[in-house]
Amino acid sequence: MLKIIDTHQHLWDTANLEYSWLDDFDLLEKRYTPQDYRKAIGDLNVVKSVHVEGDPGETQVVQEVEWLTDIAEKDGMIGAIAAAAPLEKPNAESILEQLAAFELVVAVRRMAWHIPDNRFYASPELIAGVKLLPKFNFSFELCANHAQLPAAIELVKATPDVRHAMNHCGGPDVKGGEFEPWATYIRELADFENVHCKVSGIVTVASENWTPEELKPYILHLVEAFGYDRLMFGSDWPVCTLAATYREWVDALLYAVADASDAEKNRLFYQNALAFYAV
């Protein structure tokens, strides 16, 4: 049975934490618990998850980690946390010091996806903040859409000592049928050996009635660019439920990589995440 580490799981508690981006997604604006997650995975052999921050308010990033640490101790599924941090702000190092006190925090995400400025990742302030991460042995969750990838490339060039995990396949416009220039940017990012890629978040940028065949060219391009040694499965649950169930996404990915060997699938779904996040 395929063993899975989910590198992109979310939980959130809208009663106690603020997530302003949820204002645009009414279907997601409720509480998601470990019990909801276990129901979603069903009989899939998900053995651990990497919890990725839900973009809480800047004053609540430590509070979110406290809440997740308590859940991890009680539930056991969360093996690592990628926390939020406003890395472009003057107090970034102070916040990183607070996050470093939590054993489960191994990575930091400063999401660009919802920021209108496509050059955000190339800003000197953000780059300076990302350069702080090795001091705390944190990797960076690089979350950019296709229009923001040129700035992401500049960020990666400027931070050779940081391990990067690109989220959500680099945000291709699958629904619009655009393959270029996304594909070229992906190849450029893959040229940096310190960049890994999560195969996640692609069903929500596909057509409303998407098919596995629609996703396949994008997934196979990631395989060609990164190989099976630097790709990691992520569900993006519960955001993925806007377009697919957890099982439907896993089945679509397995369809795309049907020609892969068992060893390659093991690296994609389990081994690479185990090494990258030490879960």
C-alpha atoms as a PDB file:
ATOM      1  CA  MET A   1       0.000   0.000   0.000  1.00  0.00           C
ATOM      2  CA  LEU A   2       1.372   3.387  -1.018  1.00  0.00           C
ATOM      3  CA  LYS A   3       2.750   5.248   1.987  1.00  0.00           C
ATOM      4  CA  ILE A   4       2.034   8.990   1.991  1.00  0.00           C
ATOM      5  CA  ILE A   5       3.416  12.043   3.745  1.00  0.00           C
ATOM      6  CA  ASP A   6       1.179  14.987   2.944  1.00  0.00           C
ATOM      7  CA  THR A   7       3.448  18.042   2.664  1.00  0.00           C
ATOM      8  CA  HIS A   8       0.632  20.576   2.372  1.00  0.00           C
ATOM      9  CA  GLN A   9      -2.154  20.159   4.900  1.00  0.00           C
ATOM     10  CA  HIS A  10      -4.128  22.984   6.501  1.00  0.00           C
ATOM     11  CA  LEU A  11      -6.257  23.219   9.603  1.00  0.00           C
ATOM     12  CA  TRP A  12      -7.771  26.448  10.817  1.00  0.00           C
ATOM     13  CA  ASP A  13      -9.959  27.761  13.575  1.00  0.00           C
ATOM     14  CA  THR A  14     -11.969  30.752  12.409  1.00  0.00           C
ATOM     15  CA  ALA A  15     -13.401  31.211  15.898  1.00  0.00           C
ATOM     16  CA  ASN A  16     -10.028  32.100  17.431  1.00  0.00           C
ATOM     17  CA  LEU A  17      -7.776  33.150  14.548  1.00  0.00           C
ATOM     18  CA  GLU A  18      -8.248  35.661  11.728  1.00  0.00           C
ATOM     19  CA  TYR A  19      -7.714  34.613   8.110  1.00  0.00           C
ATOM     20  CA  SER A  20      -8.626  37.586   5.958  1.00  0.00           C
ATOM     21  CA  TRP A  21      -8.164  35.722   2.660  1.00  0.00           C
ATOM     22  CA  LEU A  22     -11.081  33.428   3.562  1.00  0.00           C
ATOM     23  CA  ASP A  23     -13.443  36.351   2.997  1.00  0.00           C
ATOM     24  CA  ASP A  24     -13.316  35.461  -0.701  1.00  0.00           C
ATOM     25  CA  PHE A  25     -14.021  31.752  -0.142  1.00  0.00           C
ATOM     26  CA  ASP A  26     -17.294  31.294   1.714  1.00  0.00           C
ATOM     27  CA  LEU A  27     -17.166  27.500   1.370  1.00  0.00           C
ATOM     28  CA  LEU A  28     -13.925  27.388   3.357  1.00  0.00           C
ATOM     29  CA  GLU A  29     -14.860  29.878   6.059  1.00  0.00           C
ATOM     30  CA  LYS A  30     -15.443  27.406   8.856  1.00  0.00           C
ATOM     31  CA  ARG A  31     -13.412  25.380  11.331  1.00  0.00           C
ATOM     32  CA  TYR A  32     -11.319  22.478   9.986  1.00  0.00           C
ATOM     33  CA  THR A  33     -10.147  19.962  12.568  1.00  0.00           C
ATOM     34  CA  PRO A  34      -7.911  16.859  12.650  1.00  0.00           C
ATOM     35  CA  GLN A  35     -11.085  14.777  12.674  1.00  0.00           C
ATOM     36  CA  ASP A  36     -12.225  16.421   9.426  1.00  0.00           C
ATOM     37  CA  TYR A  37      -8.827  15.684   7.897  1.00  0.00           C
ATOM     38  CA  ARG A  38      -8.857  12.008   8.905  1.00  0.00           C
ATOM     39  CA  LYS A  39     -12.341  11.672   7.433  1.00  0.00           C
ATOM     40  CA  ALA A  40     -11.112  13.237   4.182  1.00  0.00           C
ATOM     41  CA  ILE A  41      -8.145  10.873   3.750  1.00  0.00           C
ATOM     42  CA  GLY A  42     -10.336   7.824   4.288  1.00  0.00           C
ATOM     43  CA  ASP A  43      -8.420   4.595   3.778  1.00  0.00           C
ATOM     44  CA  LEU A  44      -5.407   6.253   2.140  1.00  0.00           C
ATOM     45  CA  ASN A  45      -2.185   5.403   3.970  1.00  0.00           C
ATOM     46  CA  VAL A  46      -1.293   8.944   5.064  1.00  0.00           C
ATOM     47  CA  VAL A  47       1.202   8.450   7.891  1.00  0.00           C
ATOM     48  CA  LYS A  48       2.233  12.058   8.607  1.00  0.00           C
ATOM     49  CA  SER A  49       1.471  15.584   7.474  1.00  0.00           C
ATOM     50  CA  VAL A  50       3.337  18.854   7.183  1.00  0.00           C
ATOM     51  CA  HIS A  51       1.000  21.586   8.325  1.00  0.00           C
ATOM     52  CA  VAL A  52       1.350  24.775   6.276  1.00  0.00           C
ATOM     53  CA  GLU A  53       0.185  28.028   7.804  1.00  0.00           C
ATOM     54  CA  GLY A  54      -3.239  29.341   6.905  1.00  0.00           C
ATOM     55  CA  ASP A  55      -2.049  32.947   6.446  1.00  0.00           C
ATOM     56  CA  PRO A  56      -3.244  34.226   9.839  1.00  0.00           C
ATOM     57  CA  GLY A  57      -3.005  37.862  10.878  1.00  0.00           C
ATOM     58  CA  GLU A  58       0.567  39.030  11.402  1.00  0.00           C
ATOM     59  CA  THR A  59       0.057  39.353  15.148  1.00  0.00           C
ATOM     60  CA  GLN A  60      -1.232  35.768  15.352  1.00  0.00           C
ATOM     61  CA  VAL A  61       1.539  33.738  13.735  1.00  0.00           C
ATOM     62  CA  VAL A  62       2.882  32.454  17.062  1.00  0.00           C
ATOM     63  CA  GLN A  63      -0.631  31.829  18.357  1.00  0.00           C
ATOM     64  CA  GLU A  64      -1.347  29.622  15.337  1.00  0.00           C
ATOM     65  CA  VAL A  65       1.768  27.543  16.046  1.00  0.00           C
ATOM     66  CA  GLU A  66       0.790  27.187  19.708  1.00  0.00           C
ATOM     67  CA  TRP A  67      -2.614  25.891  18.644  1.00  0.00           C
ATOM     68  CA  LEU A  68      -1.114  23.456  16.127  1.00  0.00           C
ATOM     69  CA  THR A  69       1.476  22.183  18.596  1.00  0.00           C
ATOM     70  CA  ASP A  70      -1.315  21.301  21.001  1.00  0.00           C
ATOM     71  CA  ILE A  71      -3.162  19.480  18.214  1.00  0.00           C
ATOM     72  CA  ALA A  72      -0.007  17.593  17.205  1.00  0.00           C
ATOM     73  CA  GLU A  73       0.520  16.372  20.755  1.00  0.00           C
ATOM     74  CA  LYS A  74      -3.045  15.088  21.000  1.00  0.00           C
ATOM     75  CA  ASP A  75      -3.635  13.769  17.482  1.00  0.00           C
ATOM     76  CA  GLY A  76      -0.217  12.652  16.210  1.00  0.00           C
ATOM     77  CA  MET A  77      -0.701  13.284  12.498  1.00  0.00           C
ATOM     78  CA  ILE A  78       1.205  16.591  12.232  1.00  0.00           C
ATOM     79  CA  GLY A  79       4.921  15.828  12.054  1.00  0.00           C
ATOM     80  CA  ALA A  80       6.195  19.281  11.068  1.00  0.00           C
ATOM     81  CA  ILE A  81       4.927  22.842  10.758  1.00  0.00           C
ATOM     82  CA  ALA A  82       5.624  25.501   8.147  1.00  0.00           C
ATOM     83  CA  ALA A  83       4.762  28.670  10.045  1.00  0.00           C
ATOM     84  CA  ALA A  84       3.824  32.123   8.825  1.00  0.00           C
ATOM     85  CA  ALA A  85       6.185  35.052   9.302  1.00  0.00           C
ATOM     86  CA  PRO A  86       6.199  38.579   7.819  1.00  0.00           C
ATOM     87  CA  LEU A  87       9.791  38.233   6.626  1.00  0.00           C
ATOM     88  CA  GLU A  88       9.845  41.630   4.933  1.00  0.00           C
ATOM     89  CA  LYS A  89       9.157  43.482   8.202  1.00  0.00           C
ATOM     90  CA  PRO A  90      11.836  44.960  10.529  1.00  0.00           C
ATOM     91  CA  ASN A  91      10.805  42.593  13.340  1.00  0.00           C
ATOM     92  CA  ALA A  92      11.238  39.446  11.225  1.00  0.00           C
ATOM     93  CA  GLU A  93      14.204  38.099  13.196  1.00  0.00           C
ATOM     94  CA  SER A  94      12.375  38.546  16.487  1.00  0.00           C
ATOM     95  CA  ILE A  95       9.417  36.538  15.184  1.00  0.00           C
ATOM     96  CA  LEU A  96      11.726  33.813  13.851  1.00  0.00           C
ATOM     97  CA  GLU A  97      13.321  33.552  17.283  1.00  0.00           C
ATOM     98  CA  GLN A  98       9.885  32.982  18.795  1.00  0.00           C
ATOM     99  CA  LEU A  99       9.009  30.354  16.194  1.00  0.00           C
ATOM    100  CA  ALA A 100      12.327  28.546  16.738  1.00  0.00           C
ATOM    101  CA  ALA A 101      11.193  27.747  20.292  1.00  0.00           C
ATOM    102  CA  PHE A 102       8.710  25.250  18.824  1.00  0.00           C
ATOM    103  CA  GLU A 103      10.316  21.935  17.894  1.00  0.00           C
ATOM    104  CA  LEU A 104       7.824  21.158  15.139  1.00  0.00           C
ATOM    105  CA  VAL A 105       8.495  24.378  13.196  1.00  0.00           C
ATOM    106  CA  VAL A 106      10.931  23.497  10.415  1.00  0.00           C
ATOM    107  CA  ALA A 107       9.918  25.957   7.685  1.00  0.00           C
ATOM    108  CA  VAL A 108       8.469  29.411   7.105  1.00  0.00           C
ATOM    109  CA  ARG A 109       6.070  30.583   4.439  1.00  0.00           C
ATOM    110  CA  ARG A 110       5.540  34.163   3.335  1.00  0.00           C
ATOM    111  CA  MET A 111       2.896  33.740   0.694  1.00  0.00           C
ATOM    112  CA  ALA A 112       3.026  35.968  -2.379  1.00  0.00           C
ATOM    113  CA  TRP A 113       0.047  34.396  -4.165  1.00  0.00           C
ATOM    114  CA  HIS A 114      -2.574  36.806  -2.802  1.00  0.00           C
ATOM    115  CA  ILE A 115      -0.341  39.888  -2.959  1.00  0.00           C
ATOM    116  CA  PRO A 116      -1.070  42.076  -6.023  1.00  0.00           C
ATOM    117  CA  ASP A 117       2.593  43.041  -6.452  1.00  0.00           C
ATOM    118  CA  ASN A 118       4.124  40.415  -8.760  1.00  0.00           C
ATOM    119  CA  ARG A 119       7.571  41.661  -7.742  1.00  0.00           C
ATOM    120  CA  PHE A 120       7.049  41.056  -4.014  1.00  0.00           C
ATOM    121  CA  TYR A 121       9.458  38.114  -3.847  1.00  0.00           C
ATOM    122  CA  ALA A 122      12.193  40.213  -5.436  1.00  0.00           C
ATOM    123  CA  SER A 123      11.923  43.050  -2.923  1.00  0.00           C
ATOM    124  CA  PRO A 124      15.162  43.683  -0.960  1.00  0.00           C
ATOM    125  CA  GLU A 125      13.247  43.576   2.325  1.00  0.00           C
ATOM    126  CA  LEU A 126      11.747  40.143   1.659  1.00  0.00           C
ATOM    127  CA  ILE A 127      15.047  38.742   0.386  1.00  0.00           C
ATOM    128  CA  ALA A 128      16.793  39.987   3.522  1.00  0.00           C
ATOM    129  CA  GLY A 129      14.212  38.194   5.641  1.00  0.00           C
ATOM    130  CA  VAL A 130      14.585  34.929   3.736  1.00  0.00           C
ATOM    131  CA  LYS A 131      18.357  35.128   4.222  1.00  0.00           C
ATOM    132  CA  LEU A 132      17.742  34.878   7.975  1.00  0.00           C
ATOM    133  CA  LEU A 133      16.221  31.394   7.710  1.00  0.00           C
ATOM    134  CA  PRO A 134      19.412  29.263   7.745  1.00  0.00           C
ATOM    135  CA  LYS A 135      20.297  30.765  11.142  1.00  0.00           C
ATOM    136  CA  PHE A 136      17.260  28.926  12.509  1.00  0.00           C
ATOM    137  CA  ASN A 137      17.605  25.866  10.239  1.00  0.00           C
ATOM    138  CA  PHE A 138      14.320  26.788   8.525  1.00  0.00           C
ATOM    139  CA  SER A 139      13.504  26.125   4.883  1.00  0.00           C
ATOM    140  CA  PHE A 140      11.291  28.492   2.850  1.00  0.00           C
ATOM    141  CA  GLU A 141       7.852  27.723   1.422  1.00  0.00           C
ATOM    142  CA  LEU A 142       7.858  29.565  -1.880  1.00  0.00           C
ATOM    143  CA  CYS A 143       4.220  30.246  -2.795  1.00  0.00           C
ATOM    144  CA  ALA A 144       4.020  32.189  -6.060  1.00  0.00           C
ATOM    145  CA  ASN A 145       1.605  32.042  -8.966  1.00  0.00           C
ATOM    146  CA  HIS A 146       2.804  31.882 -12.573  1.00  0.00           C
ATOM    147  CA  ALA A 147       2.963  35.690 -12.933  1.00  0.00           C
ATOM    148  CA  GLN A 148       5.202  35.913  -9.854  1.00  0.00           C
ATOM    149  CA  LEU A 149       7.721  33.253 -10.900  1.00  0.00           C
ATOM    150  CA  PRO A 150      10.274  35.708 -12.373  1.00  0.00           C
ATOM    151  CA  ALA A 151      10.509  37.410  -8.975  1.00  0.00           C
ATOM    152  CA  ALA A 152      10.700  33.981  -7.322  1.00  0.00           C
ATOM    153  CA  ILE A 153      13.669  33.132  -9.535  1.00  0.00           C
ATOM    154  CA  GLU A 154      15.421  36.320  -8.365  1.00  0.00           C
ATOM    155  CA  LEU A 155      14.723  35.345  -4.754  1.00  0.00           C
ATOM    156  CA  VAL A 156      16.208  31.878  -5.246  1.00  0.00           C
ATOM    157  CA  LYS A 157      19.288  33.320  -6.971  1.00  0.00           C
ATOM    158  CA  ALA A 158      19.838  35.659  -4.017  1.00  0.00           C
ATOM    159  CA  THR A 159      19.445  32.932  -1.368  1.00  0.00           C
ATOM    160  CA  PRO A 160      21.659  29.975  -2.329  1.00  0.00           C
ATOM    161  CA  ASP A 161      21.967  28.831   1.292  1.00  0.00           C
ATOM    162  CA  VAL A 162      18.197  28.426   1.733  1.00  0.00           C
ATOM    163  CA  ARG A 163      16.299  25.247   0.908  1.00  0.00           C
ATOM    164  CA  HIS A 164      13.136  26.179  -1.003  1.00  0.00           C
ATOM    165  CA  ALA A 165       9.930  24.186  -1.394  1.00  0.00           C
ATOM    166  CA  MET A 166       7.884  25.648  -4.232  1.00  0.00           C
ATOM    167  CA  ASN A 167       4.182  25.338  -3.416  1.00  0.00           C
ATOM    168  CA  HIS A 168       1.352  24.404  -5.759  1.00  0.00           C
ATOM    169  CA  CYS A 169       3.366  23.614  -8.888  1.00  0.00           C
ATOM    170  CA  GLY A 170       4.235  27.289  -9.325  1.00  0.00           C
ATOM    171  CA  GLY A 171       0.601  28.206  -9.982  1.00  0.00           C
ATOM    172  CA  PRO A 172       0.149  27.431 -13.695  1.00  0.00           C
ATOM    173  CA  ASP A 173      -2.940  28.797 -15.442  1.00  0.00           C
ATOM    174  CA  VAL A 174      -4.383  25.396 -16.257  1.00  0.00           C
ATOM    175  CA  LYS A 175      -7.903  26.726 -16.739  1.00  0.00           C
ATOM    176  CA  GLY A 176      -6.630  29.210 -19.327  1.00  0.00           C
ATOM    177  CA  GLY A 177      -4.670  26.472 -21.093  1.00  0.00           C
ATOM    178  CA  GLU A 178      -1.420  28.429 -20.746  1.00  0.00           C
ATOM    179  CA  PHE A 179       1.715  26.291 -20.658  1.00  0.00           C
ATOM    180  CA  GLU A 180       4.296  28.969 -21.462  1.00  0.00           C
ATOM    181  CA  PRO A 181       5.989  30.929 -20.013  1.00  0.00           C
ATOM    182  CA  TRP A 182       5.224  28.876 -16.869  1.00  0.00           C
ATOM    183  CA  ALA A 183       7.078  25.859 -18.248  1.00  0.00           C
ATOM    184  CA  THR A 184      10.235  27.876 -18.952  1.00  0.00           C
ATOM    185  CA  TYR A 185      10.194  29.436 -15.490  1.00  0.00           C
ATOM    186  CA  ILE A 186       9.826  25.969 -13.958  1.00  0.00           C
ATOM    187  CA  ARG A 187      12.909  24.753 -15.809  1.00  0.00           C
ATOM    188  CA  GLU A 188      14.851  27.789 -14.567  1.00  0.00           C
ATOM    189  CA  LEU A 189      13.814  27.127 -10.962  1.00  0.00           C
ATOM    190  CA  ALA A 190      14.655  23.441 -11.281  1.00  0.00           C
ATOM    191  CA  ASP A 191      18.187  24.369 -12.321  1.00  0.00           C
ATOM    192  CA  PHE A 192      18.772  25.385  -8.699  1.00  0.00           C
ATOM    193  CA  GLU A 193      19.496  22.236  -6.730  1.00  0.00           C
ATOM    194  CA  ASN A 194      18.231  23.840  -3.496  1.00  0.00           C
ATOM    195  CA  VAL A 195      14.700  24.088  -4.947  1.00  0.00           C
ATOM    196  CA  HIS A 196      12.160  21.299  -4.461  1.00  0.00           C
ATOM    197  CA  CYS A 197       8.584  21.363  -5.713  1.00  0.00           C
ATOM    198  CA  LYS A 198       5.303  20.317  -4.157  1.00  0.00           C
ATOM    199  CA  VAL A 199       2.869  18.708  -6.555  1.00  0.00           C
ATOM    200  CA  SER A 200      -0.164  20.354  -5.007  1.00  0.00           C
ATOM    201  CA  GLY A 201      -2.797  23.018  -5.498  1.00  0.00           C
ATOM    202  CA  ILE A 202      -3.322  22.320  -9.184  1.00  0.00           C
ATOM    203  CA  VAL A 203      -6.948  21.163  -9.193  1.00  0.00           C
ATOM    204  CA  THR A 204      -8.096  24.572  -7.966  1.00  0.00           C
ATOM    205  CA  VAL A 205      -6.502  26.344 -10.950  1.00  0.00           C
ATOM    206  CA  ALA A 206      -7.957  23.897 -13.493  1.00  0.00           C
ATOM    207  CA  SER A 207     -11.255  23.988 -15.374  1.00  0.00           C
ATOM    208  CA  GLU A 208     -14.448  23.644 -13.389  1.00  0.00           C
ATOM    209  CA  ASN A 209     -15.014  20.199 -14.904  1.00  0.00           C
ATOM    210  CA  TRP A 210     -11.335  19.251 -14.946  1.00  0.00           C
ATOM    211  CA  THR A 211     -10.111  15.816 -15.918  1.00  0.00           C
ATOM    212  CA  PRO A 212      -6.901  13.990 -14.982  1.00  0.00           C
ATOM    213  CA  GLU A 213      -5.865  14.330 -18.628  1.00  0.00           C
ATOM    214  CA  GLU A 214      -6.014  18.129 -18.346  1.00  0.00           C
ATOM    215  CA  LEU A 215      -3.582  18.091 -15.408  1.00  0.00           C
ATOM    216  CA  LYS A 216      -1.192  15.497 -16.806  1.00  0.00           C
ATOM    217  CA  PRO A 217       1.002  17.713 -19.075  1.00  0.00           C
ATOM    218  CA  TYR A 218       1.721  20.101 -16.213  1.00  0.00           C
ATOM    219  CA  ILE A 219       2.580  17.308 -13.809  1.00  0.00           C
ATOM    220  CA  LEU A 220       4.796  15.539 -16.331  1.00  0.00           C
ATOM    221  CA  HIS A 221       6.641  18.791 -17.008  1.00  0.00           C
ATOM    222  CA  LEU A 222       7.434  19.012 -13.294  1.00  0.00           C
ATOM    223  CA  VAL A 223       8.707  15.437 -13.439  1.00  0.00           C
ATOM    224  CA  GLU A 224      10.883  16.281 -16.423  1.00  0.00           C
ATOM    225  CA  ALA A 225      12.266  19.411 -14.762  1.00  0.00           C
ATOM    226  CA  PHE A 226      12.780  18.241 -11.177  1.00  0.00           C
ATOM    227  CA  GLY A 227      12.918  14.470 -11.533  1.00  0.00           C
ATOM    228  CA  TYR A 228      11.411  12.226  -8.884  1.00  0.00           C
ATOM    229  CA  ASP A 229      14.127  13.169  -6.378  1.00  0.00           C
ATOM    230  CA  ARG A 230      12.846  16.740  -5.809  1.00  0.00           C
ATOM    231  CA  LEU A 231       9.069  16.386  -6.055  1.00  0.00           C
ATOM    232  CA  MET A 232       6.763  15.973  -3.052  1.00  0.00           C
ATOM    233  CA  PHE A 233       3.053  15.233  -2.843  1.00  0.00           C
ATOM    234  CA  GLY A 234       0.792  17.792  -1.169  1.00  0.00           C
ATOM    235  CA  SER A 235      -2.978  17.714  -0.844  1.00  0.00           C
ATOM    236  CA  ASP A 236      -3.692  21.409  -0.194  1.00  0.00           C
ATOM    237  CA  TRP A 237      -6.615  20.142   1.864  1.00  0.00           C
ATOM    238  CA  PRO A 238      -9.168  21.616   2.531  1.00  0.00           C
ATOM    239  CA  VAL A 239      -8.602  24.190  -0.231  1.00  0.00           C
ATOM    240  CA  CYS A 240      -8.524  21.351  -2.762  1.00  0.00           C
ATOM    241  CA  THR A 241     -12.138  20.537  -1.870  1.00  0.00           C
ATOM    242  CA  LEU A 242     -13.212  23.565  -3.894  1.00  0.00           C
ATOM    243  CA  ALA A 243     -12.467  21.366  -6.913  1.00  0.00           C
ATOM    244  CA  ALA A 244     -11.873  17.770  -5.778  1.00  0.00           C
ATOM    245  CA  THR A 245     -11.982  15.357  -2.901  1.00  0.00           C
ATOM    246  CA  TYR A 246      -8.710  14.233  -1.361  1.00  0.00           C
ATOM    247  CA  ARG A 247      -9.035  10.839  -3.095  1.00  0.00           C
ATOM    248  CA  GLU A 248      -9.838  12.393  -6.476  1.00  0.00           C
ATOM    249  CA  TRP A 249      -6.653  14.472  -6.338  1.00  0.00           C
ATOM    250  CA  VAL A 250      -4.502  11.496  -5.341  1.00  0.00           C
ATOM    251  CA  ASP A 251      -6.025   9.404  -8.123  1.00  0.00           C
ATOM    252  CA  ALA A 252      -5.424  12.183 -10.678  1.00  0.00           C
ATOM    253  CA  LEU A 253      -1.768  12.399  -9.679  1.00  0.00           C
ATOM    254  CA  LEU A 254      -1.355   8.624  -9.833  1.00  0.00           C
ATOM    255  CA  TYR A 255      -2.917   8.705 -13.315  1.00  0.00           C
ATOM    256  CA  ALA A 256      -0.351  11.284 -14.461  1.00  0.00           C
ATOM    257  CA  VAL A 257       2.614   9.286 -13.127  1.00  0.00           C
ATOM    258  CA  ALA A 258       1.295   5.851 -14.085  1.00  0.00           C
ATOM    259  CA  ASP A 259       4.550   5.040 -15.898  1.00  0.00           C
ATOM    260  CA  ALA A 260       6.685   5.743 -12.824  1.00  0.00           C
ATOM    261  CA  SER A 261       8.297   2.846 -10.995  1.00  0.00           C
ATOM    262  CA  ASP A 262       7.228   1.902  -7.478  1.00  0.00           C
ATOM    263  CA  ALA A 263      10.487   3.401  -6.193  1.00  0.00           C
ATOM    264  CA  GLU A 264       9.782   6.706  -7.972  1.00  0.00           C
ATOM    265  CA  LYS A 265       6.242   6.851  -6.582  1.00  0.00           C
ATOM    266  CA  ASN A 266       7.628   6.144  -3.129  1.00  0.00           C
ATOM    267  CA  ARG A 267       9.969   9.120  -3.452  1.00  0.00           C
ATOM    268  CA  LEU A 268       7.173  11.377  -4.709  1.00  0.00           C
ATOM    269  CA  PHE A 269       4.641  10.448  -2.042  1.00  0.00           C
ATOM    270  CA  TYR A 270       6.840   9.641   0.937  1.00  0.00           C
ATOM    271  CA  GLN A 271      10.636   9.507   0.892  1.00  0.00           C
ATOM    272  CA  ASN A 272      11.421  13.020  -0.362  1.00  0.00           C
ATOM    273  CA  ALA A 273       9.169  14.614   2.247  1.00  0.00           C
ATOM    274  CA  LEU A 274      10.690  12.485   4.978  1.00  0.00           C
ATOM    275  CA  ALA A 275      14.146  13.781   4.057  1.00  0.00           C
ATOM    276  CA  PHE A 276      13.183  17.409   3.398  1.00  0.00           C
ATOM    277  CA  TYR A 277      11.059  18.024   6.487  1.00  0.00           C
ATOM    278  CA  ALA A 278      12.491  15.355   8.838  1.00  0.00           C
ATOM    279  CA  VAL A 279       8.947  14.397   9.911  1.00  0.00           C
END
